[in-house]
């Protein structure tokens, strides 16, 4: 090839990090940079809310995004995202996202982000880590939508590495990982797998009494268009859901959350 002398084009990448520290009386510290922001709307009822957002509007090749929550002893809160996250088509390195949560003794966090929409040929690697002190607990939600369903898009190429790890006093008590690539997408169309269901979610409650909620959870797992199952290993309640579309999935999750927790749903959600 001939050298035209034209400068090479270096694509601009988005990077951001936001970290919130709270105690029972309220906010202690808020740090944010780049495309990551955090808001704490004034609440009149329910748990104090932390709302994270990515001002870049989504994640493209080479982007980096980090959210963090540190709840001191005895603090209870809910953290969510302002809108659905989007992972766009990537032509190079994967986008990388991380969520780091620490909950002090006797504390509790509901981590209820809105769904992640994976465009065709998206590349995303994400890690969520939770460190619980003795007597602390959490509720973790992850929703994925494969493609822009309203536009009829169904991904045929994809790279996803999504991992969630919960530790108590340094010991791993919950590990959940999902890996999707081109071959896996083809296998998902198999009726023995997901029959091509384009929306999926996992909800995990980590608490000593979580297994006691199993019957209440199973009693509401009957939303049309959603297939769901719940299990209760020691100290956990895990619910897995497959849906024909993002809306029935959200309706089912809303019903499960109302059955499991006394607090209102996140105000930012469109319910």
Protein backbone atom coordinates (compact mmCIF):
# COMPACT_ATOMS: atom_id res chain seq x y z
CA UNK A 1 0.00 0.00 0.00
CA UNK A 2 1.12 3.57 -0.67
CA UNK A 3 1.56 6.03 2.14
CA UNK A 4 -0.81 8.90 1.41
CA UNK A 5 0.67 11.00 4.17
CA UNK A 6 -2.77 11.43 5.73
CA UNK A 7 -2.80 11.17 9.54
CA UNK A 8 -4.38 8.05 11.02
CA UNK A 9 -7.69 8.56 12.77
CA UNK A 10 -7.71 7.74 16.47
CA UNK A 11 -11.23 7.16 17.73
CA UNK A 12 -12.22 9.05 20.84
CA UNK A 13 -12.97 6.79 23.82
CA UNK A 14 -15.23 7.43 26.78
CA UNK A 15 -13.99 6.81 30.32
CA UNK A 16 -15.76 7.53 33.58
CA UNK A 17 -15.90 6.59 37.25
CA UNK A 18 -18.37 7.51 40.01
CA UNK A 19 -18.14 6.44 43.65
CA UNK A 20 -20.57 7.11 46.51
CA UNK A 21 -19.94 6.66 50.24
CA UNK A 22 -22.91 6.73 52.63
CA UNK A 23 -23.60 6.32 56.33
CA UNK A 24 -26.99 6.01 58.09
CA UNK A 25 -27.31 9.82 58.30
CA UNK A 26 -26.65 10.28 54.58
CA UNK A 27 -23.90 11.05 52.09
CA UNK A 28 -20.27 11.13 53.24
CA UNK A 29 -18.42 11.42 49.96
CA UNK A 30 -19.10 11.62 46.23
CA UNK A 31 -16.39 11.36 43.60
CA UNK A 32 -17.03 11.40 39.86
CA UNK A 33 -15.06 11.98 36.71
CA UNK A 34 -15.46 11.69 32.98
CA UNK A 35 -18.71 10.26 31.65
CA UNK A 36 -19.84 8.70 34.95
CA UNK A 37 -22.14 10.65 37.26
CA UNK A 38 -24.13 9.88 40.39
CA UNK A 39 -27.24 11.61 41.70
CA UNK A 40 -28.96 11.28 45.07
CA UNK A 41 -32.57 12.44 44.67
CA UNK A 42 -34.38 13.60 47.76
CA UNK A 43 -36.59 10.79 49.05
CA UNK A 44 -39.84 10.99 51.00
CA UNK A 45 -40.34 7.23 51.42
CA UNK A 46 -38.39 4.03 51.00
CA UNK A 47 -34.65 3.50 50.87
CA UNK A 48 -32.29 6.37 50.01
CA UNK A 49 -31.56 6.14 46.26
CA UNK A 50 -28.33 6.45 44.31
CA UNK A 51 -28.82 6.94 40.57
CA UNK A 52 -25.81 6.37 38.31
CA UNK A 53 -25.63 7.54 34.72
CA UNK A 54 -23.28 7.36 31.77
CA UNK A 55 -23.35 10.70 29.96
CA UNK A 56 -21.66 9.11 26.92
CA UNK A 57 -24.98 7.46 26.10
CA UNK A 58 -23.57 3.94 25.83
CA UNK A 59 -20.46 1.79 25.62
CA UNK A 60 -18.41 1.42 22.46
CA UNK A 61 -15.13 -0.31 21.67
CA UNK A 62 -12.43 0.60 24.18
CA UNK A 63 -14.71 2.57 26.53
CA UNK A 64 -14.40 2.19 30.30
CA UNK A 65 -17.06 2.77 32.98
CA UNK A 66 -16.87 2.22 36.73
CA UNK A 67 -19.49 2.63 39.46
CA UNK A 68 -18.85 2.17 43.17
CA UNK A 69 -20.94 2.16 46.35
CA UNK A 70 -19.56 2.05 49.89
CA UNK A 71 -22.17 1.72 52.64
CA UNK A 72 -20.89 2.11 56.17
CA UNK A 73 -22.15 -0.05 59.05
CA UNK A 74 -25.91 0.02 59.49
CA UNK A 75 -26.59 1.84 56.21
CA UNK A 76 -29.40 0.78 53.91
CA UNK A 77 -29.74 2.11 50.35
CA UNK A 78 -30.84 1.39 46.80
CA UNK A 79 -28.66 1.99 43.74
CA UNK A 80 -29.87 1.99 40.15
CA UNK A 81 -29.13 3.54 36.76
CA UNK A 82 -30.88 6.44 35.07
CA UNK A 83 -31.68 4.50 31.92
CA UNK A 84 -30.86 1.33 30.04
CA UNK A 85 -27.17 0.91 29.23
CA UNK A 86 -26.32 0.27 25.59
CA UNK A 87 -23.36 -1.71 24.30
CA UNK A 88 -22.77 -0.65 20.70
CA UNK A 89 -21.15 -2.49 17.81
CA UNK A 90 -17.41 -2.68 18.49
CA UNK A 91 -14.63 -2.83 15.92
CA UNK A 92 -11.74 -3.28 18.33
CA UNK A 93 -11.18 -3.91 22.02
CA UNK A 94 -14.21 -4.65 24.24
CA UNK A 95 -15.81 -1.98 26.36
CA UNK A 96 -15.08 -2.62 30.03
CA UNK A 97 -17.43 -1.91 32.91
CA UNK A 98 -17.14 -2.56 36.62
CA UNK A 99 -19.31 -2.21 39.70
CA UNK A 100 -17.68 -2.37 43.15
CA UNK A 101 -19.95 -2.55 46.19
CA UNK A 102 -19.02 -2.65 49.87
CA UNK A 103 -21.67 -3.05 52.57
CA UNK A 104 -20.73 -2.58 56.22
CA UNK A 105 -21.95 -4.63 59.18
CA UNK A 106 -25.73 -4.77 59.38
CA UNK A 107 -26.12 -2.81 56.14
CA UNK A 108 -28.10 -3.55 53.02
CA UNK A 109 -27.95 -2.56 49.34
CA UNK A 110 -30.45 -3.14 46.56
CA UNK A 111 -28.44 -2.99 43.31
CA UNK A 112 -31.20 -2.65 40.72
CA UNK A 113 -29.75 -1.30 37.47
CA UNK A 114 -31.92 -0.98 34.40
CA UNK A 115 -31.33 -3.35 31.52
CA UNK A 116 -28.26 -3.58 29.30
CA UNK A 117 -29.08 -3.69 25.58
CA UNK A 118 -26.49 -5.52 23.48
CA UNK A 119 -26.36 -4.39 19.86
CA UNK A 120 -25.27 -6.73 17.10
CA UNK A 121 -21.48 -7.23 17.22
CA UNK A 122 -21.22 -5.60 20.67
CA UNK A 123 -18.17 -6.40 22.79
CA UNK A 124 -18.54 -5.95 26.55
CA UNK A 125 -16.67 -7.26 29.57
CA UNK A 126 -18.16 -6.45 32.97
CA UNK A 127 -17.36 -7.37 36.56
CA UNK A 128 -19.59 -6.77 39.58
CA UNK A 129 -18.01 -7.41 42.98
CA UNK A 130 -19.74 -7.16 46.34
CA UNK A 131 -17.99 -7.31 49.71
CA UNK A 132 -20.31 -7.90 52.65
CA UNK A 133 -19.41 -7.47 56.29
CA UNK A 134 -20.97 -9.80 58.91
CA UNK A 135 -24.72 -9.25 59.12
CA UNK A 136 -24.85 -7.35 55.81
CA UNK A 137 -26.88 -8.37 52.78
CA UNK A 138 -27.79 -7.35 49.26
CA UNK A 139 -30.18 -7.81 46.37
CA UNK A 140 -28.55 -7.98 42.92
CA UNK A 141 -30.35 -7.65 39.59
CA UNK A 142 -28.97 -8.02 36.08
CA UNK A 143 -31.15 -7.68 32.98
CA UNK A 144 -29.92 -8.24 29.42
CA UNK A 145 -31.72 -7.60 26.15
CA UNK A 146 -30.15 -9.13 23.04
CA UNK A 147 -30.60 -6.65 20.22
CA UNK A 148 -32.80 -3.64 19.51
CA UNK A 149 -36.01 -5.62 19.57
CA UNK A 150 -38.26 -2.73 18.48
CA UNK A 151 -36.21 -2.53 15.28
CA UNK A 152 -36.27 -6.27 14.72
CA UNK A 153 -32.54 -6.61 15.42
CA UNK A 154 -31.31 -9.95 16.74
CA UNK A 155 -27.54 -10.21 17.26
CA UNK A 156 -25.63 -12.84 15.30
CA UNK A 157 -22.22 -11.70 16.53
CA UNK A 158 -21.46 -10.90 20.15
CA UNK A 159 -18.75 -10.93 22.79
CA UNK A 160 -19.99 -10.76 26.39
CA UNK A 161 -18.17 -11.64 29.59
CA UNK A 162 -20.34 -10.80 32.61
CA UNK A 163 -19.33 -11.87 36.11
CA UNK A 164 -20.80 -11.25 39.58
CA UNK A 165 -18.96 -12.23 42.76
CA UNK A 166 -20.17 -11.75 46.34
CA UNK A 167 -17.82 -12.21 49.29
CA UNK A 168 -18.51 -12.19 52.99
CA UNK A 169 -15.52 -11.50 55.21
CA UNK A 170 -13.30 -12.24 52.20
CA UNK A 171 -14.86 -15.63 51.38
CA UNK A 172 -16.75 -16.11 48.11
CA UNK A 173 -20.39 -17.00 48.85
CA UNK A 174 -21.92 -16.33 45.43
CA UNK A 175 -20.42 -16.50 41.95
CA UNK A 176 -22.43 -16.06 38.78
CA UNK A 177 -20.90 -15.72 35.31
CA UNK A 178 -22.31 -15.46 31.80
CA UNK A 179 -20.30 -15.77 28.60
CA UNK A 180 -21.83 -15.22 25.17
CA UNK A 181 -20.12 -15.35 21.79
CA UNK A 182 -21.15 -16.11 18.21
CA UNK A 183 -21.40 -19.87 18.78
CA UNK A 184 -23.33 -19.41 22.03
CA UNK A 185 -25.88 -17.20 20.27
CA UNK A 186 -26.53 -20.00 17.79
CA UNK A 187 -26.97 -22.52 20.61
CA UNK A 188 -29.40 -20.23 22.44
CA UNK A 189 -31.88 -20.69 19.60
CA UNK A 190 -32.12 -24.38 20.53
CA UNK A 191 -35.48 -25.16 22.20
CA UNK A 192 -33.57 -27.07 24.87
CA UNK A 193 -31.75 -23.85 25.78
CA UNK A 194 -33.64 -20.54 25.62
CA UNK A 195 -35.58 -21.10 22.37
CA UNK A 196 -34.12 -17.81 21.22
CA UNK A 197 -35.59 -15.74 24.07
CA UNK A 198 -33.99 -12.32 23.58
CA UNK A 199 -34.38 -11.00 27.13
CA UNK A 200 -32.95 -12.60 30.25
CA UNK A 201 -32.31 -11.68 33.85
CA UNK A 202 -30.94 -12.95 37.14
CA UNK A 203 -32.06 -11.73 40.55
CA UNK A 204 -30.07 -12.84 43.60
CA UNK A 205 -30.83 -12.07 47.24
CA UNK A 206 -27.92 -12.68 49.61
CA UNK A 207 -29.02 -12.89 53.25
CA UNK A 208 -29.31 -15.50 55.98
CA UNK A 209 -33.11 -15.50 55.64
CA UNK A 210 -33.20 -15.30 51.84
CA UNK A 211 -34.30 -18.95 51.38
CA UNK A 212 -37.40 -18.16 53.46
CA UNK A 213 -38.64 -15.97 50.55
CA UNK A 214 -38.65 -18.83 48.03
CA UNK A 215 -42.38 -19.55 48.25
CA UNK A 216 -43.29 -15.87 47.93
CA UNK A 217 -41.09 -15.54 44.85
CA UNK A 218 -42.43 -18.64 43.14
CA UNK A 219 -46.03 -17.54 43.76
CA UNK A 220 -45.63 -14.58 41.36
CA UNK A 221 -43.57 -16.21 38.60
CA UNK A 222 -46.46 -16.43 36.14
CA UNK A 223 -46.12 -13.39 33.86
CA UNK A 224 -47.18 -14.23 30.27
CA UNK A 225 -44.21 -14.35 27.93
CA UNK A 226 -41.75 -15.10 30.73
CA UNK A 227 -40.21 -18.40 31.80
CA UNK A 228 -38.70 -18.30 35.28
CA UNK A 229 -37.34 -20.57 37.99
CA UNK A 230 -36.24 -19.93 41.56
CA UNK A 231 -33.89 -21.82 43.86
CA UNK A 232 -32.70 -21.28 47.41
CA UNK A 233 -29.19 -22.45 48.25
CA UNK A 234 -28.10 -21.73 51.83
CA UNK A 235 -28.05 -17.99 52.45
CA UNK A 236 -29.30 -17.13 48.95
CA UNK A 237 -32.36 -16.85 46.76
CA UNK A 238 -31.63 -16.99 43.01
CA UNK A 239 -34.23 -16.35 40.31
CA UNK A 240 -33.50 -16.75 36.60
CA UNK A 241 -35.81 -15.41 33.92
CA UNK A 242 -36.17 -15.66 30.13
CA UNK A 243 -38.63 -13.51 28.18
CA UNK A 244 -39.90 -12.88 24.68
CA UNK A 245 -39.36 -9.12 25.10
CA UNK A 246 -37.98 -6.56 27.52
CA UNK A 247 -41.38 -5.34 28.74
CA UNK A 248 -42.78 -8.64 30.01
CA UNK A 249 -39.41 -9.25 31.64
CA UNK A 250 -39.63 -5.88 33.44
CA UNK A 251 -43.23 -6.53 34.51
CA UNK A 252 -42.24 -9.90 35.98
CA UNK A 253 -39.26 -8.44 37.80
CA UNK A 254 -41.42 -5.64 39.21
CA UNK A 255 -43.82 -8.22 40.63
CA UNK A 256 -41.00 -10.27 42.16
CA UNK A 257 -39.44 -7.20 43.75
CA UNK A 258 -42.75 -6.19 45.30
CA UNK A 259 -43.09 -9.70 46.74
CA UNK A 260 -39.57 -9.74 48.18
CA UNK A 261 -39.12 -6.23 49.57
CA UNK A 262 -41.33 -3.68 51.38
CA UNK A 263 -39.81 -0.61 49.73
CA UNK A 264 -41.07 1.16 46.58
CA UNK A 265 -39.48 0.39 43.23
CA UNK A 266 -36.81 2.84 42.06
CA UNK A 267 -38.47 6.15 41.21
CA UNK A 268 -36.42 6.49 38.02
CA UNK A 269 -37.88 3.30 36.55
CA UNK A 270 -40.77 3.62 34.11
CA UNK A 271 -43.31 1.27 35.62
